Amino acid sequence: MDTERLLSREVTATRIPQGDKLPLPAGTRVFIRQKLGGSYTVQTDDGLCRVDGKDGDALGEKVIAEEIHAPALPDGSPNPDAIWDQLKKVYDPEIPVNIVDLGLVYSMEIEKDDAGGGHRVLVTMTLTAPGCGMGPAIAEDAKAKVLCVPGVTDASVNLTWEPPWSQEMISEEGRMILGLV
């Protein structure tokens, strides 16, 4: 892709792989590397960053609005399908397959959040390799996307290495995208 752009205004990006926030001032030169999952992965002089879809206009791109197609359930709890849909919008910045279809998400649990008056979502996932430095950025993106679901007041993403990830965990759709079929 490698589309060069100058930011038209300041945006707050997520540094990859660290996962911390980084202000990118107006006029910063970036190269768009990937447009997947409602965000943009850009290369700056300081490395890779993820820019939220809501800031697409600063890149001269379309603003990508966060869409939740499944409202909260009648009891106010979050719709599990909406949470899974949000997790399918999370991508490793280096792989064009979402974390669910890559087989990285091992579990998603919803529990009542008595302190927050809503519900807490606990996601357990892994990475393609224990040494993968993308973990903090991917976990932060997953958490942010889950927090957009109606009824979710808190979320946590825990990384585990058991069982170890393998290519057999990739869904059929993921295999097709990666050309493994």
Protein backbone atom coordinates (compact mmCIF):
# COMPACT_ATOMS: atom_id res chain seq x y z
CA MET A 1 0.00 0.00 0.00
CA ASP A 2 2.64 2.57 1.09
CA THR A 3 0.55 5.69 0.45
CA GLU A 4 2.48 8.78 1.59
CA ARG A 5 0.49 11.46 3.39
CA LEU A 6 1.02 14.57 5.53
CA LEU A 7 -1.24 14.79 8.56
CA SER A 8 -3.65 17.72 8.20
CA ARG A 9 -4.09 17.98 11.97
CA GLU A 10 -2.66 16.49 15.14
CA VAL A 11 -3.80 12.98 16.06
CA THR A 12 -3.10 10.72 19.00
CA ALA A 13 -1.77 7.40 17.70
CA THR A 14 -0.87 4.14 19.39
CA ARG A 15 2.82 3.28 19.08
CA ILE A 16 3.51 -0.22 17.78
CA PRO A 17 4.55 -2.49 19.41
CA GLN A 18 4.67 -0.65 22.76
CA GLY A 19 0.96 0.20 22.88
CA ASP A 20 1.49 3.65 24.42
CA LYS A 21 -0.10 6.83 23.08
CA LEU A 22 1.91 9.19 20.89
CA PRO A 23 0.81 12.61 19.62
CA LEU A 24 1.55 13.06 15.91
CA PRO A 25 1.53 16.79 15.03
CA ALA A 26 -0.04 18.28 11.92
CA GLY A 27 2.38 18.08 9.01
CA THR A 28 3.89 14.75 10.10
CA ARG A 29 4.80 12.63 7.07
CA VAL A 30 3.33 9.12 7.29
CA PHE A 31 3.03 6.13 4.99
CA ILE A 32 -0.22 4.17 5.24
CA ARG A 33 0.77 0.50 5.51
CA GLN A 34 -2.58 -1.10 6.28
CA LYS A 35 -6.28 -0.16 6.50
CA LEU A 36 -8.01 -2.94 8.40
CA GLY A 37 -10.35 -3.28 11.36
CA GLY A 38 -11.44 0.32 11.46
CA SER A 39 -7.96 1.77 11.91
CA TYR A 40 -4.90 2.74 9.93
CA THR A 41 -1.39 1.39 10.47
CA VAL A 42 1.09 4.10 9.50
CA GLN A 43 4.88 4.30 9.29
CA THR A 44 6.39 7.47 10.72
CA ASP A 45 10.02 8.51 11.08
CA ASP A 46 9.76 7.11 14.64
CA GLY A 47 8.29 3.71 13.64
CA LEU A 48 4.88 2.11 13.24
CA CYS A 49 1.73 3.59 14.77
CA ARG A 50 -1.96 2.83 14.68
CA VAL A 51 -4.34 5.72 13.95
CA ASP A 52 -8.01 5.32 14.89
CA GLY A 53 -10.53 5.29 12.05
CA LYS A 54 -12.23 8.38 13.51
CA ASP A 55 -9.04 10.27 12.59
CA GLY A 56 -9.02 9.11 8.95
CA ASP A 57 -9.68 12.67 7.77
CA ALA A 58 -6.28 13.76 9.14
CA LEU A 59 -4.75 11.22 6.73
CA GLY A 60 -6.84 12.42 3.79
CA GLU A 61 -8.86 9.20 4.10
CA LYS A 62 -12.44 8.36 4.94
CA VAL A 63 -13.42 8.62 8.61
CA ILE A 64 -14.24 5.12 9.80
CA ALA A 65 -17.01 5.27 12.39
CA GLU A 66 -17.19 2.59 15.07
CA GLU A 67 -20.34 0.60 14.28
CA ILE A 68 -21.97 -1.76 16.72
CA HIS A 69 -24.69 -3.77 15.00
CA ALA A 70 -25.99 -5.60 18.08
CA PRO A 71 -27.43 -3.53 20.95
CA ALA A 72 -27.20 -4.59 24.58
CA LEU A 73 -29.49 -7.42 25.63
CA PRO A 74 -32.82 -6.57 27.35
CA ASP A 75 -31.23 -7.04 30.80
CA GLY A 76 -28.54 -4.47 29.91
CA SER A 77 -25.77 -7.02 29.49
CA PRO A 78 -23.59 -6.77 26.40
CA ASN A 79 -24.43 -8.90 23.40
CA PRO A 80 -21.71 -11.58 23.06
CA ASP A 81 -22.02 -11.46 19.26
CA ALA A 82 -21.21 -7.74 19.34
CA ILE A 83 -18.09 -8.43 21.40
CA TRP A 84 -16.91 -11.12 18.98
CA ASP A 85 -17.62 -8.76 16.05
CA GLN A 86 -15.45 -6.12 17.72
CA LEU A 87 -12.63 -8.62 18.30
CA LYS A 88 -12.80 -9.46 14.59
CA LYS A 89 -11.86 -5.82 13.91
CA VAL A 90 -8.50 -6.26 15.67
CA TYR A 91 -5.51 -7.02 13.45
CA ASP A 92 -1.86 -7.71 14.01
CA PRO A 93 -0.25 -4.77 12.18
CA GLU A 94 1.85 -7.22 10.16
CA ILE A 95 -0.80 -9.82 9.23
CA PRO A 96 -3.97 -9.11 7.18
CA VAL A 97 -6.14 -11.50 9.24
CA ASN A 98 -8.07 -10.55 12.37
CA ILE A 99 -7.10 -12.04 15.76
CA VAL A 100 -10.21 -14.24 15.94
CA ASP A 101 -9.65 -15.85 12.53
CA LEU A 102 -5.95 -16.20 13.33
CA GLY A 103 -7.01 -18.33 16.30
CA LEU A 104 -5.37 -16.01 18.81
CA VAL A 105 -8.44 -15.50 21.02
CA TYR A 106 -8.84 -18.44 23.39
CA SER A 107 -11.77 -17.17 25.44
CA MET A 108 -14.14 -14.27 26.05
CA GLU A 109 -16.10 -14.07 29.29
CA ILE A 110 -18.69 -11.55 30.45
CA GLU A 111 -19.23 -10.96 34.15
CA LYS A 112 -21.29 -8.47 36.14
CA ASP A 113 -19.27 -5.41 37.20
CA ASP A 114 -20.85 -4.53 40.54
CA ALA A 115 -18.49 -1.60 41.06
CA GLY A 116 -19.13 -0.07 37.63
CA GLY A 117 -22.80 -0.94 37.37
CA GLY A 118 -22.33 -2.69 34.04
CA HIS A 119 -20.39 -5.65 32.78
CA ARG A 120 -16.71 -6.55 32.56
CA VAL A 121 -15.33 -8.51 29.62
CA LEU A 122 -12.31 -10.74 30.09
CA VAL A 123 -10.46 -11.80 26.95
CA THR A 124 -7.70 -14.41 27.02
CA MET A 125 -5.54 -14.56 23.94
CA THR A 126 -2.11 -15.42 22.68
CA LEU A 127 0.21 -14.21 19.94
CA THR A 128 1.72 -16.04 17.01
CA ALA A 129 5.02 -16.32 18.90
CA PRO A 130 6.11 -15.67 22.50
CA GLY A 131 8.70 -13.16 21.29
CA CYS A 132 6.13 -11.19 19.25
CA GLY A 133 6.55 -7.56 20.24
CA MET A 134 3.10 -6.58 18.99
CA GLY A 135 1.35 -7.87 22.14
CA PRO A 136 0.80 -4.55 23.95
CA ALA A 137 -0.55 -2.80 20.82
CA ILE A 138 -2.86 -5.69 19.91
CA ALA A 139 -4.14 -6.04 23.49
CA GLU A 140 -4.79 -2.29 23.74
CA ASP A 141 -6.68 -2.30 20.42
CA ALA A 142 -8.78 -5.31 21.52
CA LYS A 143 -9.63 -3.66 24.84
CA ALA A 144 -10.59 -0.37 23.18
CA LYS A 145 -12.84 -2.12 20.68
CA VAL A 146 -14.57 -4.24 23.35
CA LEU A 147 -15.20 -1.12 25.46
CA CYS A 148 -17.28 0.30 22.57
CA VAL A 149 -19.93 -2.42 23.00
CA PRO A 150 -23.10 -1.23 24.79
CA GLY A 151 -23.25 -2.61 28.33
CA VAL A 152 -19.47 -3.05 28.71
CA THR A 153 -18.03 -0.84 31.47
CA ASP A 154 -14.65 -2.55 31.88
CA ALA A 155 -12.48 -4.89 29.85
CA SER A 156 -9.17 -6.68 30.23
CA VAL A 157 -7.08 -8.62 27.76
CA ASN A 158 -4.75 -11.22 29.20
CA LEU A 159 -1.97 -12.81 27.17
CA THR A 160 -1.16 -16.47 27.67
CA TRP A 161 1.25 -18.87 26.02
CA GLU A 162 -0.66 -22.06 26.88
CA PRO A 163 -1.52 -23.71 24.68
CA PRO A 164 1.06 -22.47 22.21
CA TRP A 165 -0.41 -21.03 19.03
CA SER A 166 -0.05 -23.00 15.79
CA GLN A 167 -1.25 -22.53 12.21
CA GLU A 168 -3.86 -25.23 12.77
CA MET A 169 -5.76 -22.67 14.90
CA ILE A 170 -6.38 -20.39 11.90
CA SER A 171 -9.99 -20.43 10.67
CA GLU A 172 -10.89 -21.47 7.13
CA GLU A 173 -11.48 -17.81 6.24
CA GLY A 174 -8.07 -16.84 7.65
CA ARG A 175 -6.41 -19.66 5.71
CA MET A 176 -7.97 -18.39 2.49
CA ILE A 177 -6.74 -14.84 3.09
CA LEU A 178 -3.23 -16.09 3.82
CA GLY A 179 -3.23 -18.45 0.85
CA LEU A 180 -2.86 -21.56 3.01
CA VAL A 181 -5.70 -23.48 1.35
